[in-house]
């Protein structure tokens, strides 16, 4: 859990204090994503593009992706393949499965959670999603929808809760475009 503190400049300044507290919280608890949008190329083996800064728990990331199939996200403790504790694949299978695995897809084959929806990705338009991580629980959902399409307790599986998390993305066998703005 992340918190921020600030001091008042004097009595009668609640708006100034609120603005200072929001700025302190954003600075201390929410990394600035330095890359707003970028493209990923096919890669075999899978190579994840890691967002520059680690997120502190709890966090929520909103993003959009445009790809014909297989948009992958990896949550890791230190930004390396070996530290991946959750691998998410949107548009797997024949393009209609969203799945969660407990580590890098090349070392973990078991699909722990599965959600089916035909056409979840599209090569010609961005599709919006979100991912949340809090107290070891990973949730993924579709943009504009409150309920998660998948939820998984990584802490129960791994027996630990990383508090700083790196997010990596890949489109594996296809080209893709990502937006994190």
C-alpha atoms as a PDB file:
ATOM      1  CA  UNK A   1       0.000   0.000   0.000  1.00  0.00           C
ATOM      2  CA  UNK A   2       1.313   3.437  -0.858  1.00  0.00           C
ATOM      3  CA  UNK A   3       0.592   6.681   0.960  1.00  0.00           C
ATOM      4  CA  UNK A   4       1.646  10.311   0.756  1.00  0.00           C
ATOM      5  CA  UNK A   5       1.913  13.094   3.305  1.00  0.00           C
ATOM      6  CA  UNK A   6       2.042  16.868   2.984  1.00  0.00           C
ATOM      7  CA  UNK A   7       1.762  19.861   5.265  1.00  0.00           C
ATOM      8  CA  UNK A   8      -0.620  22.801   5.183  1.00  0.00           C
ATOM      9  CA  UNK A   9       0.730  26.261   4.379  1.00  0.00           C
ATOM     10  CA  UNK A  10      -1.635  27.705   6.945  1.00  0.00           C
ATOM     11  CA  UNK A  11      -5.287  27.855   7.953  1.00  0.00           C
ATOM     12  CA  UNK A  12      -7.989  28.407   5.368  1.00  0.00           C
ATOM     13  CA  UNK A  13      -6.166  26.719   2.486  1.00  0.00           C
ATOM     14  CA  UNK A  14      -8.100  23.437   1.969  1.00  0.00           C
ATOM     15  CA  UNK A  15      -7.964  23.619  -1.836  1.00  0.00           C
ATOM     16  CA  UNK A  16      -4.214  24.217  -1.848  1.00  0.00           C
ATOM     17  CA  UNK A  17      -3.697  21.391   0.643  1.00  0.00           C
ATOM     18  CA  UNK A  18      -5.860  19.031  -1.426  1.00  0.00           C
ATOM     19  CA  UNK A  19      -3.924  19.854  -4.608  1.00  0.00           C
ATOM     20  CA  UNK A  20      -0.580  19.339  -2.826  1.00  0.00           C
ATOM     21  CA  UNK A  21      -1.753  15.983  -1.471  1.00  0.00           C
ATOM     22  CA  UNK A  22      -2.941  14.785  -4.899  1.00  0.00           C
ATOM     23  CA  UNK A  23       0.392  15.811  -6.428  1.00  0.00           C
ATOM     24  CA  UNK A  24       2.334  14.056  -3.650  1.00  0.00           C
ATOM     25  CA  UNK A  25       0.264  10.881  -4.070  1.00  0.00           C
ATOM     26  CA  UNK A  26       0.740  10.828  -7.858  1.00  0.00           C
ATOM     27  CA  UNK A  27       4.475  11.445  -7.478  1.00  0.00           C
ATOM     28  CA  UNK A  28       5.023   8.813  -4.789  1.00  0.00           C
ATOM     29  CA  UNK A  29       2.466   6.157  -5.687  1.00  0.00           C
ATOM     30  CA  UNK A  30       1.771   6.271  -9.394  1.00  0.00           C
ATOM     31  CA  UNK A  31       4.590   6.081 -11.914  1.00  0.00           C
ATOM     32  CA  UNK A  32       4.413   8.240 -14.973  1.00  0.00           C
ATOM     33  CA  UNK A  33       4.212   6.049 -18.041  1.00  0.00           C
ATOM     34  CA  UNK A  34       6.913   7.544 -20.204  1.00  0.00           C
ATOM     35  CA  UNK A  35       5.724   5.820 -23.356  1.00  0.00           C
ATOM     36  CA  UNK A  36       2.178   6.818 -24.219  1.00  0.00           C
ATOM     37  CA  UNK A  37       1.720   4.680 -27.305  1.00  0.00           C
ATOM     38  CA  UNK A  38       3.930   2.282 -29.189  1.00  0.00           C
ATOM     39  CA  UNK A  39       3.917  -0.645 -31.582  1.00  0.00           C
ATOM     40  CA  UNK A  40       5.014  -4.215 -30.975  1.00  0.00           C
ATOM     41  CA  UNK A  41       6.351  -6.570 -33.622  1.00  0.00           C
ATOM     42  CA  UNK A  42       6.039 -10.339 -33.865  1.00  0.00           C
ATOM     43  CA  UNK A  43       8.639 -12.155 -31.764  1.00  0.00           C
ATOM     44  CA  UNK A  44       9.539 -15.781 -31.257  1.00  0.00           C
ATOM     45  CA  UNK A  45      10.429 -16.351 -28.528  1.00  0.00           C
ATOM     46  CA  UNK A  46       8.062 -13.891 -26.894  1.00  0.00           C
ATOM     47  CA  UNK A  47       9.759 -10.631 -25.893  1.00  0.00           C
ATOM     48  CA  UNK A  48       7.892  -8.279 -23.585  1.00  0.00           C
ATOM     49  CA  UNK A  49       8.264  -4.504 -23.831  1.00  0.00           C
ATOM     50  CA  UNK A  50       8.382  -3.417 -20.184  1.00  0.00           C
ATOM     51  CA  UNK A  51       6.839  -0.093 -19.218  1.00  0.00           C
ATOM     52  CA  UNK A  52       9.592   2.060 -17.738  1.00  0.00           C
ATOM     53  CA  UNK A  53       8.511   2.394 -14.103  1.00  0.00           C
ATOM     54  CA  UNK A  54       7.256  -0.133 -11.582  1.00  0.00           C
ATOM     55  CA  UNK A  55       3.737   0.327 -10.254  1.00  0.00           C
ATOM     56  CA  UNK A  56       3.163   0.251  -6.518  1.00  0.00           C
ATOM     57  CA  UNK A  57       0.295  -1.835  -5.198  1.00  0.00           C
ATOM     58  CA  UNK A  58      -2.589  -1.237  -5.452  1.00  0.00           C
ATOM     59  CA  UNK A  59      -2.792  -0.008  -9.035  1.00  0.00           C
ATOM     60  CA  UNK A  60      -5.048   0.084 -12.059  1.00  0.00           C
ATOM     61  CA  UNK A  61      -3.812   0.515 -15.619  1.00  0.00           C
ATOM     62  CA  UNK A  62      -6.158   1.442 -18.458  1.00  0.00           C
ATOM     63  CA  UNK A  63      -4.927   0.599 -21.939  1.00  0.00           C
ATOM     64  CA  UNK A  64      -6.051   0.010 -25.512  1.00  0.00           C
ATOM     65  CA  UNK A  65      -4.623  -2.449 -27.993  1.00  0.00           C
ATOM     66  CA  UNK A  66      -5.072  -3.032 -31.703  1.00  0.00           C
ATOM     67  CA  UNK A  67      -3.956  -6.486 -32.874  1.00  0.00           C
ATOM     68  CA  UNK A  68      -5.280  -9.365 -34.940  1.00  0.00           C
ATOM     69  CA  UNK A  69      -4.724 -11.826 -32.109  1.00  0.00           C
ATOM     70  CA  UNK A  70      -2.650 -12.486 -29.007  1.00  0.00           C
ATOM     71  CA  UNK A  71      -2.095  -9.369 -26.919  1.00  0.00           C
ATOM     72  CA  UNK A  72       0.014 -10.406 -23.932  1.00  0.00           C
ATOM     73  CA  UNK A  73       0.679  -8.698 -20.612  1.00  0.00           C
ATOM     74  CA  UNK A  74       3.160  -9.886 -18.007  1.00  0.00           C
ATOM     75  CA  UNK A  75       3.273  -8.784 -14.376  1.00  0.00           C
ATOM     76  CA  UNK A  76       6.705  -9.247 -12.857  1.00  0.00           C
ATOM     77  CA  UNK A  77       8.553  -8.424  -9.676  1.00  0.00           C
ATOM     78  CA  UNK A  78      11.664  -6.930 -11.278  1.00  0.00           C
ATOM     79  CA  UNK A  79      10.965  -6.664 -15.017  1.00  0.00           C
ATOM     80  CA  UNK A  80      12.596  -9.956 -16.032  1.00  0.00           C
ATOM     81  CA  UNK A  81      11.084 -13.094 -17.550  1.00  0.00           C
ATOM     82  CA  UNK A  82      12.116 -15.095 -14.481  1.00  0.00           C
ATOM     83  CA  UNK A  83      10.145 -12.796 -12.157  1.00  0.00           C
ATOM     84  CA  UNK A  84       6.831 -12.995 -14.078  1.00  0.00           C
ATOM     85  CA  UNK A  85       4.142 -14.020 -11.607  1.00  0.00           C
ATOM     86  CA  UNK A  86       1.115 -13.462 -13.861  1.00  0.00           C
ATOM     87  CA  UNK A  87       0.914 -13.800 -17.644  1.00  0.00           C
ATOM     88  CA  UNK A  88      -2.268 -12.635 -19.361  1.00  0.00           C
ATOM     89  CA  UNK A  89      -3.102 -13.417 -22.975  1.00  0.00           C
ATOM     90  CA  UNK A  90      -5.998 -11.613 -24.654  1.00  0.00           C
ATOM     91  CA  UNK A  91      -7.129 -13.205 -27.926  1.00  0.00           C
ATOM     92  CA  UNK A  92      -5.341 -16.544 -27.482  1.00  0.00           C
ATOM     93  CA  UNK A  93      -6.487 -19.806 -28.962  1.00  0.00           C
ATOM     94  CA  UNK A  94      -8.240 -18.919 -32.185  1.00  0.00           C
ATOM     95  CA  UNK A  95      -8.468 -15.279 -31.093  1.00  0.00           C
ATOM     96  CA  UNK A  96     -11.358 -15.661 -28.674  1.00  0.00           C
ATOM     97  CA  UNK A  97      -9.795 -16.704 -25.355  1.00  0.00           C
ATOM     98  CA  UNK A  98      -8.399 -14.525 -22.594  1.00  0.00           C
ATOM     99  CA  UNK A  99      -6.291 -16.574 -20.211  1.00  0.00           C
ATOM    100  CA  UNK A 100      -4.128 -16.229 -17.104  1.00  0.00           C
ATOM    101  CA  UNK A 101      -1.010 -18.267 -16.390  1.00  0.00           C
ATOM    102  CA  UNK A 102       1.183 -18.239 -13.271  1.00  0.00           C
ATOM    103  CA  UNK A 103       4.476 -17.420 -15.044  1.00  0.00           C
ATOM    104  CA  UNK A 104       6.072 -16.934 -18.484  1.00  0.00           C
ATOM    105  CA  UNK A 105       4.059 -18.818 -21.142  1.00  0.00           C
ATOM    106  CA  UNK A 106       7.137 -20.820 -22.190  1.00  0.00           C
ATOM    107  CA  UNK A 107       7.519 -22.285 -18.703  1.00  0.00           C
ATOM    108  CA  UNK A 108       3.886 -22.394 -17.528  1.00  0.00           C
ATOM    109  CA  UNK A 109       1.481 -24.141 -19.834  1.00  0.00           C
ATOM    110  CA  UNK A 110      -1.467 -24.509 -17.470  1.00  0.00           C
ATOM    111  CA  UNK A 111      -4.281 -22.062 -18.095  1.00  0.00           C
ATOM    112  CA  UNK A 112      -5.529 -21.099 -14.647  1.00  0.00           C
ATOM    113  CA  UNK A 113      -8.418 -18.846 -15.699  1.00  0.00           C
ATOM    114  CA  UNK A 114     -10.159 -18.661 -19.088  1.00  0.00           C
ATOM    115  CA  UNK A 115     -12.699 -16.220 -20.546  1.00  0.00           C
ATOM    116  CA  UNK A 116     -14.202 -16.771 -24.021  1.00  0.00           C
ATOM    117  CA  UNK A 117     -15.404 -13.979 -26.308  1.00  0.00           C
ATOM    118  CA  UNK A 118     -15.231 -14.057 -30.084  1.00  0.00           C
ATOM    119  CA  UNK A 119     -13.632 -10.971 -31.629  1.00  0.00           C
ATOM    120  CA  UNK A 120     -12.181  -9.630 -28.371  1.00  0.00           C
ATOM    121  CA  UNK A 121      -9.337  -8.084 -30.432  1.00  0.00           C
ATOM    122  CA  UNK A 122      -9.485  -6.327 -33.788  1.00  0.00           C
ATOM    123  CA  UNK A 123      -6.589  -5.525 -36.151  1.00  0.00           C
ATOM    124  CA  UNK A 124      -8.234  -2.301 -37.383  1.00  0.00           C
ATOM    125  CA  UNK A 125      -9.555  -0.709 -34.176  1.00  0.00           C
ATOM    126  CA  UNK A 126      -8.336  -0.197 -30.644  1.00  0.00           C
ATOM    127  CA  UNK A 127     -10.061  -2.249 -27.953  1.00  0.00           C
ATOM    128  CA  UNK A 128      -9.956  -0.911 -24.390  1.00  0.00           C
ATOM    129  CA  UNK A 129      -9.100  -2.939 -21.293  1.00  0.00           C
ATOM    130  CA  UNK A 130      -7.932  -2.422 -17.725  1.00  0.00           C
ATOM    131  CA  UNK A 131      -5.862  -4.409 -15.279  1.00  0.00           C
ATOM    132  CA  UNK A 132      -5.869  -4.071 -11.491  1.00  0.00           C
ATOM    133  CA  UNK A 133      -3.547  -5.514  -8.892  1.00  0.00           C
ATOM    134  CA  UNK A 134      -4.284  -5.339  -5.178  1.00  0.00           C
ATOM    135  CA  UNK A 135      -3.151  -7.553  -2.289  1.00  0.00           C
ATOM    136  CA  UNK A 136      -2.049 -10.306  -4.662  1.00  0.00           C
ATOM    137  CA  UNK A 137      -5.271 -10.380  -6.694  1.00  0.00           C
ATOM    138  CA  UNK A 138      -5.102  -9.654 -10.422  1.00  0.00           C
ATOM    139  CA  UNK A 139      -8.243  -8.522 -12.241  1.00  0.00           C
ATOM    140  CA  UNK A 140      -8.640  -7.761 -15.921  1.00  0.00           C
ATOM    141  CA  UNK A 141     -11.639  -6.145 -17.539  1.00  0.00           C
ATOM    142  CA  UNK A 142     -12.880  -4.447 -20.663  1.00  0.00           C
ATOM    143  CA  UNK A 143     -12.901  -0.661 -20.971  1.00  0.00           C
ATOM    144  CA  UNK A 144     -16.114   0.953 -19.798  1.00  0.00           C
ATOM    145  CA  UNK A 145     -17.180  -2.171 -17.868  1.00  0.00           C
ATOM    146  CA  UNK A 146     -16.853  -2.287 -14.079  1.00  0.00           C
ATOM    147  CA  UNK A 147     -16.891  -6.067 -13.632  1.00  0.00           C
ATOM    148  CA  UNK A 148     -13.740  -8.044 -14.375  1.00  0.00           C
ATOM    149  CA  UNK A 149     -13.753 -10.675 -17.091  1.00  0.00           C
ATOM    150  CA  UNK A 150     -11.055 -12.588 -15.168  1.00  0.00           C
ATOM    151  CA  UNK A 151      -9.843 -12.541 -11.582  1.00  0.00           C
ATOM    152  CA  UNK A 152      -6.991 -14.563 -10.122  1.00  0.00           C
ATOM    153  CA  UNK A 153      -5.319 -14.696  -6.709  1.00  0.00           C
ATOM    154  CA  UNK A 154      -1.587 -14.744  -7.441  1.00  0.00           C
ATOM    155  CA  UNK A 155      -0.748 -14.613  -3.731  1.00  0.00           C
ATOM    156  CA  UNK A 156      -2.606 -17.864  -3.017  1.00  0.00           C
ATOM    157  CA  UNK A 157      -0.755 -19.555  -5.878  1.00  0.00           C
ATOM    158  CA  UNK A 158       2.762 -18.171  -5.289  1.00  0.00           C
ATOM    159  CA  UNK A 159       2.610 -17.544  -1.531  1.00  0.00           C
ATOM    160  CA  UNK A 160       3.914 -13.979  -1.885  1.00  0.00           C
ATOM    161  CA  UNK A 161       2.682 -10.520  -2.846  1.00  0.00           C
ATOM    162  CA  UNK A 162       5.045  -8.326  -4.868  1.00  0.00           C
ATOM    163  CA  UNK A 163       4.363  -4.723  -3.891  1.00  0.00           C
ATOM    164  CA  UNK A 164       6.194  -3.199  -6.860  1.00  0.00           C
ATOM    165  CA  UNK A 165       5.142  -4.597 -10.193  1.00  0.00           C
ATOM    166  CA  UNK A 166       6.494  -4.130 -13.698  1.00  0.00           C
ATOM    167  CA  UNK A 167       4.087  -4.490 -16.616  1.00  0.00           C
ATOM    168  CA  UNK A 168       5.331  -5.856 -19.925  1.00  0.00           C
ATOM    169  CA  UNK A 169       3.415  -6.166 -23.200  1.00  0.00           C
ATOM    170  CA  UNK A 170       3.793  -8.212 -26.360  1.00  0.00           C
ATOM    171  CA  UNK A 171       1.760  -9.244 -29.376  1.00  0.00           C
ATOM    172  CA  UNK A 172       3.759 -12.460 -29.863  1.00  0.00           C
ATOM    173  CA  UNK A 173       2.960 -13.670 -33.398  1.00  0.00           C
ATOM    174  CA  UNK A 174       1.348 -10.513 -34.808  1.00  0.00           C
ATOM    175  CA  UNK A 175       1.955  -6.792 -35.025  1.00  0.00           C
ATOM    176  CA  UNK A 176       0.133  -4.610 -32.553  1.00  0.00           C
ATOM    177  CA  UNK A 177      -0.351  -1.066 -31.333  1.00  0.00           C
ATOM    178  CA  UNK A 178      -0.773  -0.089 -27.668  1.00  0.00           C
ATOM    179  CA  UNK A 179      -2.002   3.064 -25.924  1.00  0.00           C
ATOM    180  CA  UNK A 180      -1.485   3.770 -22.234  1.00  0.00           C
ATOM    181  CA  UNK A 181      -2.659   7.412 -22.266  1.00  0.00           C
END
